[in-house]
């Protein structure tokens, strides 16, 4: 599709940006690209994993605080012989913890099953 001279914009488009310089060819000096100057990568350690877990936990707690703060309206709960009113956030958190306990129990049962099978096969 070609635009007629009267339909063309009044100004020209800017030139495209210059191409990025290519990486220098790899040398056989025995060093990986990760070990090159300016590209240091820290090794994986248990302490590093623990810190990542701590920061992830902090983020989850902050999100939980926001969730609880926004869901304070009381809700009527009927469970077996229990009746009452609790905040919506608390009801959902209790349900989530209950679900996590059920999932952990199923996972633990599977782990025990696999350990028994390994012991049986090892004999």
C-alpha atoms as a PDB file:
ATOM      1  CA  UNK A   1       0.000   0.000   0.000  1.00  0.00           C
ATOM      2  CA  UNK A   2       1.504   3.313  -1.065  1.00  0.00           C
ATOM      3  CA  UNK A   3       0.340   6.623   0.335  1.00  0.00           C
ATOM      4  CA  UNK A   4      -0.248   9.490  -1.977  1.00  0.00           C
ATOM      5  CA  UNK A   5       1.856  12.614  -1.343  1.00  0.00           C
ATOM      6  CA  UNK A   6      -1.072  14.422   0.333  1.00  0.00           C
ATOM      7  CA  UNK A   7      -1.732  11.460   2.716  1.00  0.00           C
ATOM      8  CA  UNK A   8       1.879  11.119   3.856  1.00  0.00           C
ATOM      9  CA  UNK A   9       2.859  12.514   7.257  1.00  0.00           C
ATOM     10  CA  UNK A  10       4.537  15.897   7.260  1.00  0.00           C
ATOM     11  CA  UNK A  11       7.648  14.702   9.004  1.00  0.00           C
ATOM     12  CA  UNK A  12       9.933  11.791   8.333  1.00  0.00           C
ATOM     13  CA  UNK A  13      10.233   8.854  10.730  1.00  0.00           C
ATOM     14  CA  UNK A  14      13.386   8.762  12.855  1.00  0.00           C
ATOM     15  CA  UNK A  15      16.162   6.452  11.706  1.00  0.00           C
ATOM     16  CA  UNK A  16      16.234   2.982  13.279  1.00  0.00           C
ATOM     17  CA  UNK A  17      18.475   2.593  16.364  1.00  0.00           C
ATOM     18  CA  UNK A  18      21.986   1.316  15.738  1.00  0.00           C
ATOM     19  CA  UNK A  19      22.466  -2.433  15.968  1.00  0.00           C
ATOM     20  CA  UNK A  20      23.828  -3.767  19.242  1.00  0.00           C
ATOM     21  CA  UNK A  21      27.486  -4.754  19.103  1.00  0.00           C
ATOM     22  CA  UNK A  22      28.024  -8.473  18.815  1.00  0.00           C
ATOM     23  CA  UNK A  23      29.610 -10.395  21.667  1.00  0.00           C
ATOM     24  CA  UNK A  24      33.297 -11.149  21.162  1.00  0.00           C
ATOM     25  CA  UNK A  25      33.993 -14.695  20.038  1.00  0.00           C
ATOM     26  CA  UNK A  26      34.481 -17.237  22.811  1.00  0.00           C
ATOM     27  CA  UNK A  27      38.056 -18.146  23.607  1.00  0.00           C
ATOM     28  CA  UNK A  28      39.321 -21.518  24.732  1.00  0.00           C
ATOM     29  CA  UNK A  29      41.022 -20.127  27.839  1.00  0.00           C
ATOM     30  CA  UNK A  30      39.048 -22.512  30.057  1.00  0.00           C
ATOM     31  CA  UNK A  31      36.721 -19.877  31.483  1.00  0.00           C
ATOM     32  CA  UNK A  32      32.980 -19.898  31.045  1.00  0.00           C
ATOM     33  CA  UNK A  33      31.060 -16.827  29.979  1.00  0.00           C
ATOM     34  CA  UNK A  34      29.658 -16.673  33.521  1.00  0.00           C
ATOM     35  CA  UNK A  35      33.164 -16.261  34.894  1.00  0.00           C
ATOM     36  CA  UNK A  36      34.043 -13.403  32.555  1.00  0.00           C
ATOM     37  CA  UNK A  37      34.816 -10.043  34.173  1.00  0.00           C
ATOM     38  CA  UNK A  38      31.662  -8.117  34.954  1.00  0.00           C
ATOM     39  CA  UNK A  39      29.503 -11.226  34.795  1.00  0.00           C
ATOM     40  CA  UNK A  40      30.130 -12.797  38.206  1.00  0.00           C
ATOM     41  CA  UNK A  41      27.388 -15.140  39.334  1.00  0.00           C
ATOM     42  CA  UNK A  42      27.243 -16.123  42.945  1.00  0.00           C
ATOM     43  CA  UNK A  43      27.344 -19.860  43.637  1.00  0.00           C
ATOM     44  CA  UNK A  44      24.212 -21.557  44.957  1.00  0.00           C
ATOM     45  CA  UNK A  45      24.462 -22.097  48.703  1.00  0.00           C
ATOM     46  CA  UNK A  46      22.064 -23.118  51.449  1.00  0.00           C
ATOM     47  CA  UNK A  47      22.343 -19.668  52.965  1.00  0.00           C
ATOM     48  CA  UNK A  48      21.378 -18.080  49.664  1.00  0.00           C
ATOM     49  CA  UNK A  49      18.377 -20.406  49.399  1.00  0.00           C
ATOM     50  CA  UNK A  50      17.395 -19.578  52.985  1.00  0.00           C
ATOM     51  CA  UNK A  51      17.504 -15.840  52.262  1.00  0.00           C
ATOM     52  CA  UNK A  52      15.359 -16.348  49.173  1.00  0.00           C
ATOM     53  CA  UNK A  53      12.884 -18.240  51.347  1.00  0.00           C
ATOM     54  CA  UNK A  54      12.902 -15.478  53.957  1.00  0.00           C
ATOM     55  CA  UNK A  55      12.142 -12.807  51.352  1.00  0.00           C
ATOM     56  CA  UNK A  56       9.409 -14.956  49.805  1.00  0.00           C
ATOM     57  CA  UNK A  57       7.925 -15.432  53.279  1.00  0.00           C
ATOM     58  CA  UNK A  58       7.980 -11.688  53.925  1.00  0.00           C
ATOM     59  CA  UNK A  59       6.154 -11.071  50.647  1.00  0.00           C
ATOM     60  CA  UNK A  60       3.506 -13.671  51.545  1.00  0.00           C
ATOM     61  CA  UNK A  61       2.993 -12.134  55.000  1.00  0.00           C
ATOM     62  CA  UNK A  62       2.574  -8.669  53.487  1.00  0.00           C
ATOM     63  CA  UNK A  63      -0.012 -10.029  51.034  1.00  0.00           C
ATOM     64  CA  UNK A  64      -1.807 -11.800  53.900  1.00  0.00           C
ATOM     65  CA  UNK A  65      -1.955  -8.580  55.925  1.00  0.00           C
ATOM     66  CA  UNK A  66      -3.475  -6.762  52.956  1.00  0.00           C
ATOM     67  CA  UNK A  67      -5.946  -9.624  52.400  1.00  0.00           C
ATOM     68  CA  UNK A  68      -7.036  -9.651  56.036  1.00  0.00           C
ATOM     69  CA  UNK A  69      -7.353  -5.868  56.114  1.00  0.00           C
ATOM     70  CA  UNK A  70      -9.631  -5.850  53.082  1.00  0.00           C
ATOM     71  CA  UNK A  71     -11.856  -8.749  54.191  1.00  0.00           C
ATOM     72  CA  UNK A  72     -12.993  -7.871  57.702  1.00  0.00           C
ATOM     73  CA  UNK A  73     -16.757  -8.140  57.123  1.00  0.00           C
ATOM     74  CA  UNK A  74     -18.315 -10.866  59.315  1.00  0.00           C
ATOM     75  CA  UNK A  75     -19.738 -13.950  57.659  1.00  0.00           C
ATOM     76  CA  UNK A  76     -22.087 -16.554  59.124  1.00  0.00           C
ATOM     77  CA  UNK A  77     -20.425 -19.994  59.360  1.00  0.00           C
ATOM     78  CA  UNK A  78     -22.196 -23.349  59.825  1.00  0.00           C
ATOM     79  CA  UNK A  79     -19.887 -26.379  60.121  1.00  0.00           C
ATOM     80  CA  UNK A  80     -21.099 -29.624  61.653  1.00  0.00           C
ATOM     81  CA  UNK A  81     -22.287 -28.602  65.127  1.00  0.00           C
ATOM     82  CA  UNK A  82     -20.507 -25.220  65.059  1.00  0.00           C
ATOM     83  CA  UNK A  83     -22.348 -21.982  64.253  1.00  0.00           C
ATOM     84  CA  UNK A  84     -21.030 -18.447  64.464  1.00  0.00           C
ATOM     85  CA  UNK A  85     -19.770 -15.321  62.812  1.00  0.00           C
ATOM     86  CA  UNK A  86     -16.138 -14.718  61.954  1.00  0.00           C
ATOM     87  CA  UNK A  87     -14.377 -12.332  59.563  1.00  0.00           C
ATOM     88  CA  UNK A  88     -14.310 -13.493  55.943  1.00  0.00           C
ATOM     89  CA  UNK A  89     -10.506 -13.474  55.810  1.00  0.00           C
ATOM     90  CA  UNK A  90     -10.255 -15.683  58.894  1.00  0.00           C
ATOM     91  CA  UNK A  91     -12.748 -18.174  57.453  1.00  0.00           C
ATOM     92  CA  UNK A  92     -10.788 -18.374  54.189  1.00  0.00           C
ATOM     93  CA  UNK A  93      -7.433 -18.690  55.992  1.00  0.00           C
ATOM     94  CA  UNK A  94      -8.787 -21.522  58.145  1.00  0.00           C
ATOM     95  CA  UNK A  95     -10.062 -23.273  55.015  1.00  0.00           C
ATOM     96  CA  UNK A  96      -6.677 -22.792  53.322  1.00  0.00           C
ATOM     97  CA  UNK A  97      -4.767 -24.193  56.299  1.00  0.00           C
ATOM     98  CA  UNK A  98      -7.148 -27.153  56.419  1.00  0.00           C
ATOM     99  CA  UNK A  99      -6.521 -27.824  52.736  1.00  0.00           C
ATOM    100  CA  UNK A 100      -2.752 -27.576  53.251  1.00  0.00           C
ATOM    101  CA  UNK A 101      -2.934 -30.088  56.122  1.00  0.00           C
ATOM    102  CA  UNK A 102      -4.844 -32.537  53.923  1.00  0.00           C
ATOM    103  CA  UNK A 103      -2.292 -32.094  51.104  1.00  0.00           C
ATOM    104  CA  UNK A 104       0.626 -32.619  53.533  1.00  0.00           C
ATOM    105  CA  UNK A 105      -0.988 -35.766  54.913  1.00  0.00           C
ATOM    106  CA  UNK A 106      -1.438 -37.186  51.405  1.00  0.00           C
ATOM    107  CA  UNK A 107       2.173 -36.296  50.514  1.00  0.00           C
ATOM    108  CA  UNK A 108       3.520 -37.864  53.712  1.00  0.00           C
ATOM    109  CA  UNK A 109       1.535 -41.057  53.051  1.00  0.00           C
ATOM    110  CA  UNK A 110       3.008 -41.267  49.545  1.00  0.00           C
ATOM    111  CA  UNK A 111       6.558 -40.722  50.842  1.00  0.00           C
ATOM    112  CA  UNK A 112       6.098 -43.496  53.416  1.00  0.00           C
ATOM    113  CA  UNK A 113       4.742 -45.780  50.697  1.00  0.00           C
ATOM    114  CA  UNK A 114       7.771 -45.110  48.455  1.00  0.00           C
ATOM    115  CA  UNK A 115      10.214 -45.681  51.340  1.00  0.00           C
ATOM    116  CA  UNK A 116       8.629 -49.047  52.123  1.00  0.00           C
ATOM    117  CA  UNK A 117       8.869 -50.037  48.454  1.00  0.00           C
ATOM    118  CA  UNK A 118      12.542 -49.030  48.335  1.00  0.00           C
ATOM    119  CA  UNK A 119      13.352 -51.022  51.477  1.00  0.00           C
ATOM    120  CA  UNK A 120      11.526 -54.056  50.074  1.00  0.00           C
ATOM    121  CA  UNK A 121      13.387 -53.813  46.750  1.00  0.00           C
ATOM    122  CA  UNK A 122      16.750 -53.244  48.465  1.00  0.00           C
ATOM    123  CA  UNK A 123      16.616 -56.544  50.399  1.00  0.00           C
END
